[in-house]
Amino acid sequence: MKFVTAIIKPFELDEVREALSAIGITGLIVPVSRPAVPLRTAPCYFPPLQSIPRG
């Protein structure tokens, strides 16, 4: 038994599946993943501190 891990583009899945079945590989697990895109955050604005009169 061999374990092969491959990362392919979604539109190439059918072509890869056909090629694997042509050489006799029948078992195939295809997990769906999403790209890791960083979340966009709004820029933070901190107003300058005002001096507090002590007295």
PDB file of N, CA and C in Angstrom:
ATOM      1  N   MET A   1       0.847  -1.174   0.000  1.00  0.00           N
ATOM      2  CA  MET A   1       0.000   0.000   0.000  1.00  0.00           C
ATOM      3  C   MET A   1       0.896   1.242   0.000  1.00  0.00           C
ATOM      4  N   LYS A   2       0.554   2.225  -0.791  1.00  0.00           N
ATOM      5  CA  LYS A   2       1.300   3.477  -0.892  1.00  0.00           C
ATOM      6  C   LYS A   2       0.390   4.620  -0.467  1.00  0.00           C
ATOM      7  N   PHE A   3       1.000   5.640   0.145  1.00  0.00           N
ATOM      8  CA  PHE A   3       0.267   6.829   0.553  1.00  0.00           C
ATOM      9  C   PHE A   3       0.829   8.013  -0.218  1.00  0.00           C
ATOM     10  N   VAL A   4       0.000   8.658  -0.997  1.00  0.00           N
ATOM     11  CA  VAL A   4       0.432   9.776  -1.825  1.00  0.00           C
ATOM     12  C   VAL A   4      -0.390  10.992  -1.440  1.00  0.00           C
ATOM     13  N   THR A   5       0.291  12.118  -1.215  1.00  0.00           N
ATOM     14  CA  THR A   5      -0.387  13.376  -0.920  1.00  0.00           C
ATOM     15  C   THR A   5      -0.072  14.343  -2.048  1.00  0.00           C
ATOM     16  N   ALA A   6      -1.108  14.982  -2.590  1.00  0.00           N
ATOM     17  CA  ALA A   6      -0.907  15.933  -3.683  1.00  0.00           C
ATOM     18  C   ALA A   6      -1.829  17.123  -3.494  1.00  0.00           C
ATOM     19  N   ILE A   7      -1.323  18.275  -3.847  1.00  0.00           N
ATOM     20  CA  ILE A   7      -2.141  19.488  -3.837  1.00  0.00           C
ATOM     21  C   ILE A   7      -2.341  19.891  -5.288  1.00  0.00           C
ATOM     22  N   ILE A   8      -3.593  19.849  -5.724  1.00  0.00           N
ATOM     23  CA  ILE A   8      -3.890  20.173  -7.120  1.00  0.00           C
ATOM     24  C   ILE A   8      -4.983  21.233  -7.159  1.00  0.00           C
ATOM     25  N   LYS A   9      -5.094  21.861  -8.287  1.00  0.00           N
ATOM     26  CA  LYS A   9      -6.123  22.879  -8.484  1.00  0.00           C
ATOM     27  C   LYS A   9      -7.462  22.190  -8.729  1.00  0.00           C
ATOM     28  N   PRO A  10      -8.559  22.797  -8.283  1.00  0.00           N
ATOM     29  CA  PRO A  10      -9.865  22.139  -8.408  1.00  0.00           C
ATOM     30  C   PRO A  10     -10.246  21.769  -9.839  1.00  0.00           C
ATOM     31  N   PHE A  11      -9.877  22.600 -10.814  1.00  0.00           N
ATOM     32  CA  PHE A  11     -10.272  22.302 -12.190  1.00  0.00           C
ATOM     33  C   PHE A  11      -9.446  21.173 -12.796  1.00  0.00           C
ATOM     34  N   GLU A  12      -8.392  20.721 -12.121  1.00  0.00           N
ATOM     35  CA  GLU A  12      -7.586  19.613 -12.611  1.00  0.00           C
ATOM     36  C   GLU A  12      -7.960  18.277 -11.971  1.00  0.00           C
ATOM     37  N   LEU A  13      -8.942  18.276 -11.104  1.00  0.00           N
ATOM     38  CA  LEU A  13      -9.291  17.062 -10.357  1.00  0.00           C
ATOM     39  C   LEU A  13      -9.737  15.937 -11.272  1.00  0.00           C
ATOM     40  N   ASP A  14     -10.600  16.210 -12.238  1.00  0.00           N
ATOM     41  CA  ASP A  14     -11.085  15.147 -13.125  1.00  0.00           C
ATOM     42  C   ASP A  14      -9.948  14.530 -13.933  1.00  0.00           C
ATOM     43  N   GLU A  15      -9.027  15.360 -14.387  1.00  0.00           N
ATOM     44  CA  GLU A  15      -7.894  14.855 -15.166  1.00  0.00           C
ATOM     45  C   GLU A  15      -6.990  13.966 -14.315  1.00  0.00           C
ATOM     46  N   VAL A  16      -6.747  14.378 -13.081  1.00  0.00           N
ATOM     47  CA  VAL A  16      -5.911  13.584 -12.176  1.00  0.00           C
ATOM     48  C   VAL A  16      -6.607  12.276 -11.815  1.00  0.00           C
ATOM     49  N   ARG A  17      -7.892  12.335 -11.558  1.00  0.00           N
ATOM     50  CA  ARG A  17      -8.655  11.129 -11.219  1.00  0.00           C
ATOM     51  C   ARG A  17      -8.632  10.120 -12.364  1.00  0.00           C
ATOM     52  N   GLU A  18      -8.788  10.600 -13.602  1.00  0.00           N
ATOM     53  CA  GLU A  18      -8.749   9.699 -14.758  1.00  0.00           C
ATOM     54  C   GLU A  18      -7.361   9.077 -14.933  1.00  0.00           C
ATOM     55  N   ALA A  19      -6.323   9.886 -14.705  1.00  0.00           N
ATOM     56  CA  ALA A  19      -4.962   9.366 -14.848  1.00  0.00           C
ATOM     57  C   ALA A  19      -4.666   8.309 -13.789  1.00  0.00           C
ATOM     58  N   LEU A  20      -5.133   8.535 -12.567  1.00  0.00           N
ATOM     59  CA  LEU A  20      -4.908   7.543 -11.510  1.00  0.00           C
ATOM     60  C   LEU A  20      -5.681   6.260 -11.765  1.00  0.00           C
ATOM     61  N   SER A  21      -6.903   6.366 -12.244  1.00  0.00           N
ATOM     62  CA  SER A  21      -7.677   5.152 -12.524  1.00  0.00           C
ATOM     63  C   SER A  21      -7.082   4.390 -13.710  1.00  0.00           C
ATOM     64  N   ALA A  22      -6.409   5.101 -14.624  1.00  0.00           N
ATOM     65  CA  ALA A  22      -5.785   4.430 -15.765  1.00  0.00           C
ATOM     66  C   ALA A  22      -4.620   3.539 -15.342  1.00  0.00           C
ATOM     67  N   ILE A  23      -3.957   3.897 -14.231  1.00  0.00           N
ATOM     68  CA  ILE A  23      -2.852   3.049 -13.759  1.00  0.00           C
ATOM     69  C   ILE A  23      -3.281   2.101 -12.649  1.00  0.00           C
ATOM     70  N   GLY A  24      -4.583   2.043 -12.373  1.00  0.00           N
ATOM     71  CA  GLY A  24      -5.105   1.038 -11.455  1.00  0.00           C
ATOM     72  C   GLY A  24      -5.373   1.503 -10.043  1.00  0.00           C
ATOM     73  N   ILE A  25      -5.291   2.790  -9.770  1.00  0.00           N
ATOM     74  CA  ILE A  25      -5.585   3.302  -8.424  1.00  0.00           C
ATOM     75  C   ILE A  25      -7.069   3.653  -8.361  1.00  0.00           C
ATOM     76  N   THR A  26      -7.768   2.981  -7.439  1.00  0.00           N
ATOM     77  CA  THR A  26      -9.212   3.191  -7.365  1.00  0.00           C
ATOM     78  C   THR A  26      -9.632   4.002  -6.146  1.00  0.00           C
ATOM     79  N   GLY A  27      -8.890   3.945  -5.051  1.00  0.00           N
ATOM     80  CA  GLY A  27      -9.265   4.671  -3.841  1.00  0.00           C
ATOM     81  C   GLY A  27      -8.737   6.098  -3.884  1.00  0.00           C
ATOM     82  N   LEU A  28      -9.604   7.050  -3.601  1.00  0.00           N
ATOM     83  CA  LEU A  28      -9.207   8.450  -3.671  1.00  0.00           C
ATOM     84  C   LEU A  28     -10.028   9.248  -2.671  1.00  0.00           C
ATOM     85  N   ILE A  29      -9.360  10.004  -1.830  1.00  0.00           N
ATOM     86  CA  ILE A  29     -10.033  10.874  -0.871  1.00  0.00           C
ATOM     87  C   ILE A  29      -9.708  12.306  -1.258  1.00  0.00           C
ATOM     88  N   VAL A  30     -10.745  13.120  -1.422  1.00  0.00           N
ATOM     89  CA  VAL A  30     -10.553  14.503  -1.845  1.00  0.00           C
ATOM     90  C   VAL A  30     -11.180  15.427  -0.806  1.00  0.00           C
ATOM     91  N   PRO A  31     -10.370  15.968   0.104  1.00  0.00           N
ATOM     92  CA  PRO A  31     -10.918  16.944   1.045  1.00  0.00           C
ATOM     93  C   PRO A  31     -11.006  18.316   0.378  1.00  0.00           C
ATOM     94  N   VAL A  32     -11.985  19.078   0.779  1.00  0.00           N
ATOM     95  CA  VAL A  32     -12.162  20.424   0.245  1.00  0.00           C
ATOM     96  C   VAL A  32     -11.522  21.402   1.218  1.00  0.00           C
ATOM     97  N   SER A  33     -10.693  22.281   0.704  1.00  0.00           N
ATOM     98  CA  SER A  33     -10.043  23.251   1.573  1.00  0.00           C
ATOM     99  C   SER A  33     -10.233  24.649   0.999  1.00  0.00           C
ATOM    100  N   ARG A  34     -10.058  25.622   1.870  1.00  0.00           N
ATOM    101  CA  ARG A  34     -10.158  27.015   1.458  1.00  0.00           C
ATOM    102  C   ARG A  34      -8.788  27.651   1.622  1.00  0.00           C
ATOM    103  N   PRO A  35      -8.519  28.662   0.826  1.00  0.00           N
ATOM    104  CA  PRO A  35      -7.218  29.318   0.980  1.00  0.00           C
ATOM    105  C   PRO A  35      -7.130  30.074   2.295  1.00  0.00           C
ATOM    106  N   ALA A  36      -5.952  30.149   2.822  1.00  0.00           N
ATOM    107  CA  ALA A  36      -5.734  30.874   4.068  1.00  0.00           C
ATOM    108  C   ALA A  36      -5.498  32.341   3.740  1.00  0.00           C
ATOM    109  N   VAL A  37      -6.557  33.117   3.807  1.00  0.00           N
ATOM    110  CA  VAL A  37      -6.479  34.538   3.502  1.00  0.00           C
ATOM    111  C   VAL A  37      -6.581  35.298   4.813  1.00  0.00           C
ATOM    112  N   PRO A  38      -5.642  36.169   5.094  1.00  0.00           N
ATOM    113  CA  PRO A  38      -5.741  36.916   6.351  1.00  0.00           C
ATOM    114  C   PRO A  38      -6.973  37.816   6.356  1.00  0.00           C
ATOM    115  N   LEU A  39      -7.564  37.923   7.509  1.00  0.00           N
ATOM    116  CA  LEU A  39      -8.738  38.774   7.649  1.00  0.00           C
ATOM    117  C   LEU A  39      -8.323  40.233   7.568  1.00  0.00           C
ATOM    118  N   ARG A  40      -9.116  41.009   6.881  1.00  0.00           N
ATOM    119  CA  ARG A  40      -8.823  42.436   6.798  1.00  0.00           C
ATOM    120  C   ARG A  40      -9.428  43.117   8.007  1.00  0.00           C
ATOM    121  N   THR A  41      -8.641  43.908   8.660  1.00  0.00           N
ATOM    122  CA  THR A  41      -9.134  44.627   9.826  1.00  0.00           C
ATOM    123  C   THR A  41      -9.110  46.114   9.534  1.00  0.00           C
ATOM    124  N   ALA A  42      -9.996  46.820  10.159  1.00  0.00           N
ATOM    125  CA  ALA A  42     -10.044  48.261   9.985  1.00  0.00           C
ATOM    126  C   ALA A  42      -8.858  48.881  10.720  1.00  0.00           C
ATOM    127  N   PRO A  43      -8.284  49.919  10.160  1.00  0.00           N
ATOM    128  CA  PRO A  43      -7.164  50.550  10.859  1.00  0.00           C
ATOM    129  C   PRO A  43      -7.635  51.170  12.169  1.00  0.00           C
ATOM    130  N   CYS A  44      -6.831  51.029  13.174  1.00  0.00           N
ATOM    131  CA  CYS A  44      -7.177  51.556  14.491  1.00  0.00           C
ATOM    132  C   CYS A  44      -6.664  52.992  14.601  1.00  0.00           C
ATOM    133  N   TYR A  45      -7.467  53.839  15.159  1.00  0.00           N
ATOM    134  CA  TYR A  45      -7.068  55.225  15.364  1.00  0.00           C
ATOM    135  C   TYR A  45      -7.143  55.513  16.846  1.00  0.00           C
ATOM    136  N   PHE A  46      -6.027  55.896  17.397  1.00  0.00           N
ATOM    137  CA  PHE A  46      -5.986  56.258  18.802  1.00  0.00           C
ATOM    138  C   PHE A  46      -5.692  57.754  18.884  1.00  0.00           C
ATOM    139  N   PRO A  47      -6.637  58.543  19.374  1.00  0.00           N
ATOM    140  CA  PRO A  47      -6.389  59.975  19.461  1.00  0.00           C
ATOM    141  C   PRO A  47      -5.296  60.254  20.481  1.00  0.00           C
ATOM    142  N   PRO A  48      -4.585  61.362  20.333  1.00  0.00           N
ATOM    143  CA  PRO A  48      -3.514  61.664  21.287  1.00  0.00           C
ATOM    144  C   PRO A  48      -4.090  61.875  22.686  1.00  0.00           C
ATOM    145  N   LEU A  49      -3.310  61.455  23.639  1.00  0.00           N
ATOM    146  CA  LEU A  49      -3.758  61.605  25.029  1.00  0.00           C
ATOM    147  C   LEU A  49      -3.719  63.074  25.425  1.00  0.00           C
ATOM    148  N   GLN A  50      -4.743  63.472  26.131  1.00  0.00           N
ATOM    149  CA  GLN A  50      -4.786  64.852  26.612  1.00  0.00           C
ATOM    150  C   GLN A  50      -4.203  64.882  28.005  1.00  0.00           C
ATOM    151  N   SER A  51      -3.516  65.950  28.282  1.00  0.00           N
ATOM    152  CA  SER A  51      -2.947  66.042  29.626  1.00  0.00           C
ATOM    153  C   SER A  51      -4.077  66.323  30.612  1.00  0.00           C
ATOM    154  N   ILE A  52      -4.023  65.659  31.712  1.00  0.00           N
ATOM    155  CA  ILE A  52      -5.058  65.813  32.756  1.00  0.00           C
ATOM    156  C   ILE A  52      -4.491  66.746  33.805  1.00  0.00           C
ATOM    157  N   PRO A  53      -5.138  67.896  34.014  1.00  0.00           N
ATOM    158  CA  PRO A  53      -4.630  68.815  35.026  1.00  0.00           C
ATOM    159  C   PRO A  53      -4.772  68.210  36.407  1.00  0.00           C
ATOM    160  N   ARG A  54      -3.732  68.284  37.181  1.00  0.00           N
ATOM    161  CA  ARG A  54      -3.769  67.775  38.553  1.00  0.00           C
ATOM    162  C   ARG A  54      -3.767  68.983  39.480  1.00  0.00           C
ATOM    163  N   GLY A  55      -4.585  68.929  40.406  1.00  0.00           N
ATOM    164  CA  GLY A  55      -4.517  70.095  41.249  1.00  0.00           C
ATOM    165  C   GLY A  55      -5.401  70.073  42.349  1.00  0.00           C
TER     166      GLY A  55
END
